[in-house]
C-alpha cells in the first residue's frame, strides 16, 4: 500500500492498493476509485479478523462522533486506487499508531486508516446552545496498529510541549494531540459568548510532554461567520442562494 497527499488548499488523499489490500474510512467519504475496488461495510473498525471490538467497539465509535459501520475499500484481482478529498480547506496529516502510541483527534478528524486502526470515544463534554448546537466538545481516540490520516481545517500549527508545559486552547482549535498529553476543560467564569451560549467561555488546557496539532478554522466558527450570507427562509435573492448552496455543499 502506498499513499500520497496531493494538492494544497483542498488536499486529496490518494491510496494505491495492492491486490487484496484494503483501507477503511469512518463515513464512506469516497471521492473516486478504480473499477476493481470493492466497497463493503463492517463493524470491526478495520482490524484484521474483526479485531476492532465488534458491536461494542462500534458503539464506542458512535459515542466518539463516528458511525456504527466503517467502510472498507479492497482491491480485487490486481492493484487498485482509491481517493478521499478534504471537505473544507485545510490539511491531511498522516500519523502512525502503535501500542502505547495513540492520538486524540477532533470529532470529524479521522479521514481514513490502514487495517488495525481502532477509533473509540476519547472525551465528550456537552454545551448548551451557542454555535455547538448541543454537540459539545468531542474527541475520538485512534489506537491499535497502523497508519491513520487525519483531516484538520484551515492552517496548521504544531507544538512540542515539554513535561509540565501547558498551552490553553479554544476547543474548536484543538485538532489532534499525542496520548502522552494531558488535557482538562477549564471554564472561564463570568464570561459568556456566542460560541458556548449560556455555558460561559471554555478553554482546553493541554499539558506536555507530547506534540499537539492546532487548526486555525474550527467548523463551528466557519459556520457562524457564514450565517449572515445564508437565506433565512428560502432563496431570498439569487446571490444569497448561490452562496448558501456553495457553502452547504462544502459543509456536508
C-alpha atoms as a PDB file:
ATOM      1  CA  UNK A   1       0.000   0.000   0.000  1.00  0.00           C
ATOM      2  CA  UNK A   2       1.252   3.458  -0.926  1.00  0.00           C
ATOM      3  CA  UNK A   3      -0.413   6.744  -0.045  1.00  0.00           C
ATOM      4  CA  UNK A   4       0.159  10.236  -1.401  1.00  0.00           C
ATOM      5  CA  UNK A   5      -1.360  13.540  -0.313  1.00  0.00           C
ATOM      6  CA  UNK A   6      -1.934  15.752  -3.348  1.00  0.00           C
ATOM      7  CA  UNK A   7      -2.862  19.416  -3.599  1.00  0.00           C
ATOM      8  CA  UNK A   8      -2.565  22.285  -1.166  1.00  0.00           C
ATOM      9  CA  UNK A   9      -5.693  24.241  -0.165  1.00  0.00           C
ATOM     10  CA  UNK A  10      -8.122  21.353  -0.722  1.00  0.00           C
ATOM     11  CA  UNK A  11      -5.871  18.280  -0.473  1.00  0.00           C
ATOM     12  CA  UNK A  12      -6.688  14.767  -1.658  1.00  0.00           C
ATOM     13  CA  UNK A  13      -5.509  11.506  -0.093  1.00  0.00           C
ATOM     14  CA  UNK A  14      -4.760   9.017  -2.886  1.00  0.00           C
ATOM     15  CA  UNK A  15      -4.109   5.401  -1.852  1.00  0.00           C
ATOM     16  CA  UNK A  16      -2.577   2.820  -4.196  1.00  0.00           C
ATOM     17  CA  UNK A  17      -3.653  -0.661  -3.083  1.00  0.00           C
ATOM     18  CA  UNK A  18      -2.058  -3.971  -3.969  1.00  0.00           C
ATOM     19  CA  UNK A  19      -4.277  -6.944  -4.811  1.00  0.00           C
ATOM     20  CA  UNK A  20      -6.226  -7.891  -1.669  1.00  0.00           C
ATOM     21  CA  UNK A  21      -5.136  -4.832   0.298  1.00  0.00           C
ATOM     22  CA  UNK A  22      -7.742  -2.540   1.800  1.00  0.00           C
ATOM     23  CA  UNK A  23      -8.185   0.777   3.575  1.00  0.00           C
ATOM     24  CA  UNK A  24     -11.026   1.813   5.895  1.00  0.00           C
ATOM     25  CA  UNK A  25     -12.896   5.100   6.372  1.00  0.00           C
ATOM     26  CA  UNK A  26     -15.380   6.180   9.065  1.00  0.00           C
ATOM     27  CA  UNK A  27     -18.156   7.533   6.846  1.00  0.00           C
ATOM     28  CA  UNK A  28     -17.559   6.190   3.344  1.00  0.00           C
ATOM     29  CA  UNK A  29     -16.121   9.531   2.224  1.00  0.00           C
ATOM     30  CA  UNK A  30     -15.214   8.285  -1.258  1.00  0.00           C
ATOM     31  CA  UNK A  31     -14.117  10.764  -3.919  1.00  0.00           C
ATOM     32  CA  UNK A  32     -13.083   8.364  -6.696  1.00  0.00           C
ATOM     33  CA  UNK A  33     -11.692   4.848  -7.160  1.00  0.00           C
ATOM     34  CA  UNK A  34     -10.655   2.385  -9.866  1.00  0.00           C
ATOM     35  CA  UNK A  35     -13.279  -0.062 -11.120  1.00  0.00           C
ATOM     36  CA  UNK A  36     -11.756  -3.109  -9.386  1.00  0.00           C
ATOM     37  CA  UNK A  37     -12.023  -1.642  -5.882  1.00  0.00           C
ATOM     38  CA  UNK A  38     -14.920  -3.152  -3.929  1.00  0.00           C
ATOM     39  CA  UNK A  39     -16.746  -1.303  -1.155  1.00  0.00           C
ATOM     40  CA  UNK A  40     -18.158  -3.085   1.900  1.00  0.00           C
ATOM     41  CA  UNK A  41     -19.203  -2.154   5.424  1.00  0.00           C
ATOM     42  CA  UNK A  42     -18.179  -3.695   8.727  1.00  0.00           C
ATOM     43  CA  UNK A  43     -18.397  -3.028  12.462  1.00  0.00           C
ATOM     44  CA  UNK A  44     -14.871  -4.276  13.116  1.00  0.00           C
ATOM     45  CA  UNK A  45     -13.123  -0.934  12.647  1.00  0.00           C
ATOM     46  CA  UNK A  46     -10.661  -2.371  10.141  1.00  0.00           C
ATOM     47  CA  UNK A  47      -8.687  -4.672  12.417  1.00  0.00           C
ATOM     48  CA  UNK A  48      -7.666  -7.941  10.746  1.00  0.00           C
ATOM     49  CA  UNK A  49     -10.012 -10.751  11.669  1.00  0.00           C
ATOM     50  CA  UNK A  50     -12.617  -8.333  13.017  1.00  0.00           C
ATOM     51  CA  UNK A  51     -10.470  -7.349  15.981  1.00  0.00           C
ATOM     52  CA  UNK A  52     -11.851  -3.847  16.170  1.00  0.00           C
ATOM     53  CA  UNK A  53     -14.204  -4.678  19.022  1.00  0.00           C
ATOM     54  CA  UNK A  54     -17.299  -5.905  17.166  1.00  0.00           C
ATOM     55  CA  UNK A  55     -20.596  -4.380  18.294  1.00  0.00           C
ATOM     56  CA  UNK A  56     -19.208  -2.847  21.497  1.00  0.00           C
ATOM     57  CA  UNK A  57     -16.327  -1.312  19.591  1.00  0.00           C
ATOM     58  CA  UNK A  58     -18.799   0.085  17.073  1.00  0.00           C
ATOM     59  CA  UNK A  59     -20.874   1.636  19.864  1.00  0.00           C
ATOM     60  CA  UNK A  60     -17.754   3.302  21.289  1.00  0.00           C
ATOM     61  CA  UNK A  61     -17.069   4.636  17.799  1.00  0.00           C
ATOM     62  CA  UNK A  62     -20.578   6.123  17.647  1.00  0.00           C
ATOM     63  CA  UNK A  63     -20.110   7.801  21.032  1.00  0.00           C
ATOM     64  CA  UNK A  64     -16.912   9.305  19.689  1.00  0.00           C
ATOM     65  CA  UNK A  65     -18.775  11.009  16.856  1.00  0.00           C
ATOM     66  CA  UNK A  66     -18.354   8.276  14.249  1.00  0.00           C
ATOM     67  CA  UNK A  67     -20.774   5.906  12.560  1.00  0.00           C
ATOM     68  CA  UNK A  68     -21.879   2.403  13.552  1.00  0.00           C
ATOM     69  CA  UNK A  69     -20.171   0.939  10.479  1.00  0.00           C
ATOM     70  CA  UNK A  70     -16.891   1.720   8.767  1.00  0.00           C
ATOM     71  CA  UNK A  71     -16.462   1.408   5.004  1.00  0.00           C
ATOM     72  CA  UNK A  72     -13.770  -0.879   3.622  1.00  0.00           C
ATOM     73  CA  UNK A  73     -12.216  -0.455   0.154  1.00  0.00           C
ATOM     74  CA  UNK A  74     -10.496  -3.598  -1.176  1.00  0.00           C
ATOM     75  CA  UNK A  75      -8.534  -4.005  -4.431  1.00  0.00           C
ATOM     76  CA  UNK A  76      -9.605  -7.198  -6.189  1.00  0.00           C
ATOM     77  CA  UNK A  77      -7.802  -9.039  -8.990  1.00  0.00           C
ATOM     78  CA  UNK A  78      -4.899  -6.597  -9.100  1.00  0.00           C
ATOM     79  CA  UNK A  79      -3.713  -3.166  -7.947  1.00  0.00           C
ATOM     80  CA  UNK A  80      -6.351  -0.520  -7.318  1.00  0.00           C
ATOM     81  CA  UNK A  81      -6.683   3.157  -6.473  1.00  0.00           C
ATOM     82  CA  UNK A  82      -8.999   4.982  -4.096  1.00  0.00           C
ATOM     83  CA  UNK A  83      -9.026   8.687  -3.226  1.00  0.00           C
ATOM     84  CA  UNK A  84     -10.568  10.805  -0.472  1.00  0.00           C
ATOM     85  CA  UNK A  85     -10.828  14.589  -0.814  1.00  0.00           C
ATOM     86  CA  UNK A  86     -10.905  17.005   2.104  1.00  0.00           C
ATOM     87  CA  UNK A  87     -14.297  18.572   2.841  1.00  0.00           C
ATOM     88  CA  UNK A  88     -13.022  22.066   3.694  1.00  0.00           C
ATOM     89  CA  UNK A  89      -9.753  23.957   3.108  1.00  0.00           C
ATOM     90  CA  UNK A  90      -7.035  22.560   5.317  1.00  0.00           C
ATOM     91  CA  UNK A  91      -4.529  19.727   5.646  1.00  0.00           C
ATOM     92  CA  UNK A  92      -4.457  15.926   5.651  1.00  0.00           C
ATOM     93  CA  UNK A  93      -1.936  14.660   8.215  1.00  0.00           C
ATOM     94  CA  UNK A  94      -0.565  11.082   8.336  1.00  0.00           C
ATOM     95  CA  UNK A  95       0.058   9.682  11.812  1.00  0.00           C
ATOM     96  CA  UNK A  96       1.475   6.292  12.791  1.00  0.00           C
ATOM     97  CA  UNK A  97      -0.397   4.451  15.543  1.00  0.00           C
ATOM     98  CA  UNK A  98       1.132   1.682  17.642  1.00  0.00           C
ATOM     99  CA  UNK A  99       0.529   0.012  21.013  1.00  0.00           C
ATOM    100  CA  UNK A 100       1.313   2.676  23.588  1.00  0.00           C
ATOM    101  CA  UNK A 101       1.180   5.420  20.956  1.00  0.00           C
ATOM    102  CA  UNK A 102      -2.397   6.548  20.288  1.00  0.00           C
ATOM    103  CA  UNK A 103      -3.682  10.029  19.471  1.00  0.00           C
ATOM    104  CA  UNK A 104      -6.741  12.092  20.344  1.00  0.00           C
ATOM    105  CA  UNK A 105      -8.467  13.703  17.348  1.00  0.00           C
ATOM    106  CA  UNK A 106     -11.295  16.217  16.988  1.00  0.00           C
ATOM    107  CA  UNK A 107     -14.726  14.763  16.249  1.00  0.00           C
ATOM    108  CA  UNK A 108     -14.645  14.830  12.443  1.00  0.00           C
ATOM    109  CA  UNK A 109     -10.884  14.452  12.012  1.00  0.00           C
ATOM    110  CA  UNK A 110     -10.368  10.783  11.139  1.00  0.00           C
ATOM    111  CA  UNK A 111     -10.406  10.514   7.332  1.00  0.00           C
ATOM    112  CA  UNK A 112      -9.030   7.017   6.637  1.00  0.00           C
ATOM    113  CA  UNK A 113      -6.795   4.318   8.063  1.00  0.00           C
ATOM    114  CA  UNK A 114      -4.975   1.086   7.360  1.00  0.00           C
ATOM    115  CA  UNK A 115      -6.274  -2.201   8.812  1.00  0.00           C
ATOM    116  CA  UNK A 116      -5.739  -2.261  12.557  1.00  0.00           C
ATOM    117  CA  UNK A 117      -6.741   1.334  13.335  1.00  0.00           C
ATOM    118  CA  UNK A 118      -9.457   1.372  16.016  1.00  0.00           C
ATOM    119  CA  UNK A 119     -11.398   4.598  16.729  1.00  0.00           C
ATOM    120  CA  UNK A 120     -13.207   4.935  20.060  1.00  0.00           C
ATOM    121  CA  UNK A 121     -14.680   7.712  22.163  1.00  0.00           C
ATOM    122  CA  UNK A 122     -11.965   9.750  23.825  1.00  0.00           C
ATOM    123  CA  UNK A 123     -13.860  12.556  25.551  1.00  0.00           C
ATOM    124  CA  UNK A 124     -17.244  14.248  25.368  1.00  0.00           C
ATOM    125  CA  UNK A 125     -18.454  17.446  27.045  1.00  0.00           C
ATOM    126  CA  UNK A 126     -21.868  18.957  26.239  1.00  0.00           C
ATOM    127  CA  UNK A 127     -22.516  22.676  25.886  1.00  0.00           C
ATOM    128  CA  UNK A 128     -25.912  24.356  25.828  1.00  0.00           C
ATOM    129  CA  UNK A 129     -26.872  26.381  22.766  1.00  0.00           C
ATOM    130  CA  UNK A 130     -24.325  28.572  21.056  1.00  0.00           C
ATOM    131  CA  UNK A 131     -22.646  27.500  17.847  1.00  0.00           C
ATOM    132  CA  UNK A 132     -22.101  23.958  19.095  1.00  0.00           C
ATOM    133  CA  UNK A 133     -25.766  23.068  18.711  1.00  0.00           C
ATOM    134  CA  UNK A 134     -25.726  20.828  21.774  1.00  0.00           C
ATOM    135  CA  UNK A 135     -22.988  18.517  20.401  1.00  0.00           C
ATOM    136  CA  UNK A 136     -20.321  19.962  22.664  1.00  0.00           C
ATOM    137  CA  UNK A 137     -16.619  19.164  22.647  1.00  0.00           C
ATOM    138  CA  UNK A 138     -15.979  15.625  21.387  1.00  0.00           C
ATOM    139  CA  UNK A 139     -12.673  13.831  20.859  1.00  0.00           C
ATOM    140  CA  UNK A 140     -12.020  10.494  19.165  1.00  0.00           C
ATOM    141  CA  UNK A 141      -9.181   8.236  20.262  1.00  0.00           C
ATOM    142  CA  UNK A 142      -7.308   6.458  17.468  1.00  0.00           C
ATOM    143  CA  UNK A 143      -5.448   3.387  18.700  1.00  0.00           C
ATOM    144  CA  UNK A 144      -4.301  -0.027  17.502  1.00  0.00           C
ATOM    145  CA  UNK A 145      -1.558  -0.649  14.941  1.00  0.00           C
ATOM    146  CA  UNK A 146      -1.185   1.068  11.562  1.00  0.00           C
ATOM    147  CA  UNK A 147      -1.379   4.469   9.891  1.00  0.00           C
ATOM    148  CA  UNK A 148      -4.264   6.935  10.111  1.00  0.00           C
ATOM    149  CA  UNK A 149      -4.894  10.048   8.032  1.00  0.00           C
ATOM    150  CA  UNK A 150      -6.455  12.975   9.871  1.00  0.00           C
ATOM    151  CA  UNK A 151      -8.191  15.991   8.317  1.00  0.00           C
ATOM    152  CA  UNK A 152      -7.510  19.348  10.002  1.00  0.00           C
ATOM    153  CA  UNK A 153      -9.247  22.543   8.865  1.00  0.00           C
ATOM    154  CA  UNK A 154      -7.572  25.811   7.977  1.00  0.00           C
ATOM    155  CA  UNK A 155      -3.881  26.408   8.604  1.00  0.00           C
ATOM    156  CA  UNK A 156      -1.984  24.003  10.843  1.00  0.00           C
ATOM    157  CA  UNK A 157       0.329  24.860  13.745  1.00  0.00           C
ATOM    158  CA  UNK A 158       2.214  22.219  15.731  1.00  0.00           C
ATOM    159  CA  UNK A 159       3.959  22.476  19.097  1.00  0.00           C
ATOM    160  CA  UNK A 160       6.064  20.003  21.020  1.00  0.00           C
ATOM    161  CA  UNK A 161       5.286  20.535  24.693  1.00  0.00           C
ATOM    162  CA  UNK A 162       7.854  19.689  27.336  1.00  0.00           C
ATOM    163  CA  UNK A 163       6.948  17.959  30.589  1.00  0.00           C
ATOM    164  CA  UNK A 164       4.617  20.211  32.553  1.00  0.00           C
ATOM    165  CA  UNK A 165       4.391  22.803  29.766  1.00  0.00           C
ATOM    166  CA  UNK A 166       0.775  23.892  29.158  1.00  0.00           C
ATOM    167  CA  UNK A 167      -0.997  25.546  26.235  1.00  0.00           C
ATOM    168  CA  UNK A 168      -4.515  26.955  26.705  1.00  0.00           C
ATOM    169  CA  UNK A 169      -6.553  26.408  23.539  1.00  0.00           C
ATOM    170  CA  UNK A 170     -10.065  27.272  22.361  1.00  0.00           C
ATOM    171  CA  UNK A 171     -11.786  23.860  21.986  1.00  0.00           C
ATOM    172  CA  UNK A 172     -12.528  24.371  18.295  1.00  0.00           C
ATOM    173  CA  UNK A 173      -8.842  24.862  17.522  1.00  0.00           C
ATOM    174  CA  UNK A 174      -7.823  21.524  19.055  1.00  0.00           C
ATOM    175  CA  UNK A 175      -7.055  19.288  16.093  1.00  0.00           C
ATOM    176  CA  UNK A 176      -5.041  16.379  17.469  1.00  0.00           C
ATOM    177  CA  UNK A 177      -2.562  15.557  20.226  1.00  0.00           C
ATOM    178  CA  UNK A 178      -0.443  12.664  21.472  1.00  0.00           C
ATOM    179  CA  UNK A 179      -1.818  10.355  24.145  1.00  0.00           C
ATOM    180  CA  UNK A 180       1.012  11.492  26.429  1.00  0.00           C
ATOM    181  CA  UNK A 181      -0.505  14.992  26.534  1.00  0.00           C
ATOM    182  CA  UNK A 182      -2.831  15.538  29.490  1.00  0.00           C
ATOM    183  CA  UNK A 183      -5.920  17.688  28.935  1.00  0.00           C
ATOM    184  CA  UNK A 184      -8.549  19.368  31.069  1.00  0.00           C
ATOM    185  CA  UNK A 185     -11.515  21.533  30.108  1.00  0.00           C
ATOM    186  CA  UNK A 186     -11.480  24.791  32.050  1.00  0.00           C
ATOM    187  CA  UNK A 187     -14.380  27.228  32.325  1.00  0.00           C
ATOM    188  CA  UNK A 188     -13.558  30.923  32.483  1.00  0.00           C
ATOM    189  CA  UNK A 189     -16.172  32.272  34.953  1.00  0.00           C
ATOM    190  CA  UNK A 190     -18.129  35.421  34.278  1.00  0.00           C
ATOM    191  CA  UNK A 191     -17.577  35.335  30.517  1.00  0.00           C
ATOM    192  CA  UNK A 192     -20.260  34.174  28.086  1.00  0.00           C
ATOM    193  CA  UNK A 193     -20.008  34.314  24.309  1.00  0.00           C
ATOM    194  CA  UNK A 194     -21.808  33.247  21.162  1.00  0.00           C
ATOM    195  CA  UNK A 195     -19.699  30.108  20.795  1.00  0.00           C
ATOM    196  CA  UNK A 196     -20.867  28.404  24.001  1.00  0.00           C
ATOM    197  CA  UNK A 197     -24.166  30.152  24.661  1.00  0.00           C
ATOM    198  CA  UNK A 198     -25.006  30.323  28.354  1.00  0.00           C
ATOM    199  CA  UNK A 199     -22.256  27.970  29.467  1.00  0.00           C
ATOM    200  CA  UNK A 200     -19.607  30.666  29.570  1.00  0.00           C
ATOM    201  CA  UNK A 201     -16.180  30.561  27.976  1.00  0.00           C
ATOM    202  CA  UNK A 202     -14.172  27.329  27.951  1.00  0.00           C
ATOM    203  CA  UNK A 203     -10.530  26.606  27.203  1.00  0.00           C
ATOM    204  CA  UNK A 204      -8.710  23.297  26.879  1.00  0.00           C
ATOM    205  CA  UNK A 205      -5.510  23.048  28.912  1.00  0.00           C
ATOM    206  CA  UNK A 206      -3.050  20.790  27.047  1.00  0.00           C
ATOM    207  CA  UNK A 207      -0.065  19.778  29.191  1.00  0.00           C
ATOM    208  CA  UNK A 208       3.040  18.011  27.907  1.00  0.00           C
ATOM    209  CA  UNK A 209       5.055  16.061  27.221  1.00  0.00           C
ATOM    210  CA  UNK A 210       3.963  15.442  23.644  1.00  0.00           C
ATOM    211  CA  UNK A 211       3.022  17.010  20.343  1.00  0.00           C
ATOM    212  CA  UNK A 212      -0.162  18.966  19.651  1.00  0.00           C
ATOM    213  CA  UNK A 213      -1.681  19.931  16.282  1.00  0.00           C
ATOM    214  CA  UNK A 214      -3.853  23.074  16.294  1.00  0.00           C
ATOM    215  CA  UNK A 215      -6.199  24.083  13.459  1.00  0.00           C
ATOM    216  CA  UNK A 216      -6.961  27.684  12.537  1.00  0.00           C
ATOM    217  CA  UNK A 217     -10.510  27.261  11.222  1.00  0.00           C
ATOM    218  CA  UNK A 218     -12.922  25.455  13.575  1.00  0.00           C
ATOM    219  CA  UNK A 219     -16.017  24.384  11.640  1.00  0.00           C
ATOM    220  CA  UNK A 220     -18.476  25.926  14.172  1.00  0.00           C
ATOM    221  CA  UNK A 221     -16.696  29.273  13.762  1.00  0.00           C
ATOM    222  CA  UNK A 222     -16.775  28.933   9.973  1.00  0.00           C
ATOM    223  CA  UNK A 223     -20.498  28.150  10.001  1.00  0.00           C
ATOM    224  CA  UNK A 224     -21.219  31.118  12.264  1.00  0.00           C
ATOM    225  CA  UNK A 225     -19.226  33.542  10.114  1.00  0.00           C
ATOM    226  CA  UNK A 226     -21.125  32.402   7.005  1.00  0.00           C
ATOM    227  CA  UNK A 227     -24.574  32.543   8.619  1.00  0.00           C
ATOM    228  CA  UNK A 228     -25.264  36.208   7.634  1.00  0.00           C
ATOM    229  CA  UNK A 229     -24.863  35.243   3.961  1.00  0.00           C
ATOM    230  CA  UNK A 230     -27.323  32.346   4.072  1.00  0.00           C
ATOM    231  CA  UNK A 231     -31.028  32.986   3.356  1.00  0.00           C
ATOM    232  CA  UNK A 232     -33.170  32.788   6.474  1.00  0.00           C
ATOM    233  CA  UNK A 233     -36.136  31.178   4.696  1.00  0.00           C
ATOM    234  CA  UNK A 234     -35.763  30.008   1.126  1.00  0.00           C
ATOM    235  CA  UNK A 235     -33.766  31.773  -1.565  1.00  0.00           C
ATOM    236  CA  UNK A 236     -34.482  35.426  -0.816  1.00  0.00           C
ATOM    237  CA  UNK A 237     -32.248  36.530  -3.632  1.00  0.00           C
ATOM    238  CA  UNK A 238     -30.080  34.906  -6.254  1.00  0.00           C
ATOM    239  CA  UNK A 239     -26.794  35.952  -4.694  1.00  0.00           C
ATOM    240  CA  UNK A 240     -27.677  34.630  -1.229  1.00  0.00           C
ATOM    241  CA  UNK A 241     -28.968  31.391  -2.708  1.00  0.00           C
ATOM    242  CA  UNK A 242     -25.734  30.898  -4.640  1.00  0.00           C
ATOM    243  CA  UNK A 243     -23.559  31.455  -1.580  1.00  0.00           C
ATOM    244  CA  UNK A 244     -25.791  29.225   0.530  1.00  0.00           C
ATOM    245  CA  UNK A 245     -25.639  26.405  -1.982  1.00  0.00           C
ATOM    246  CA  UNK A 246     -21.869  26.596  -2.267  1.00  0.00           C
ATOM    247  CA  UNK A 247     -21.250  26.665   1.485  1.00  0.00           C
ATOM    248  CA  UNK A 248     -23.835  23.981   2.157  1.00  0.00           C
ATOM    249  CA  UNK A 249     -22.017  21.696  -0.251  1.00  0.00           C
ATOM    250  CA  UNK A 250     -18.693  22.335   1.474  1.00  0.00           C
ATOM    251  CA  UNK A 251     -20.008  21.535   4.942  1.00  0.00           C
ATOM    252  CA  UNK A 252     -21.855  18.321   4.062  1.00  0.00           C
END
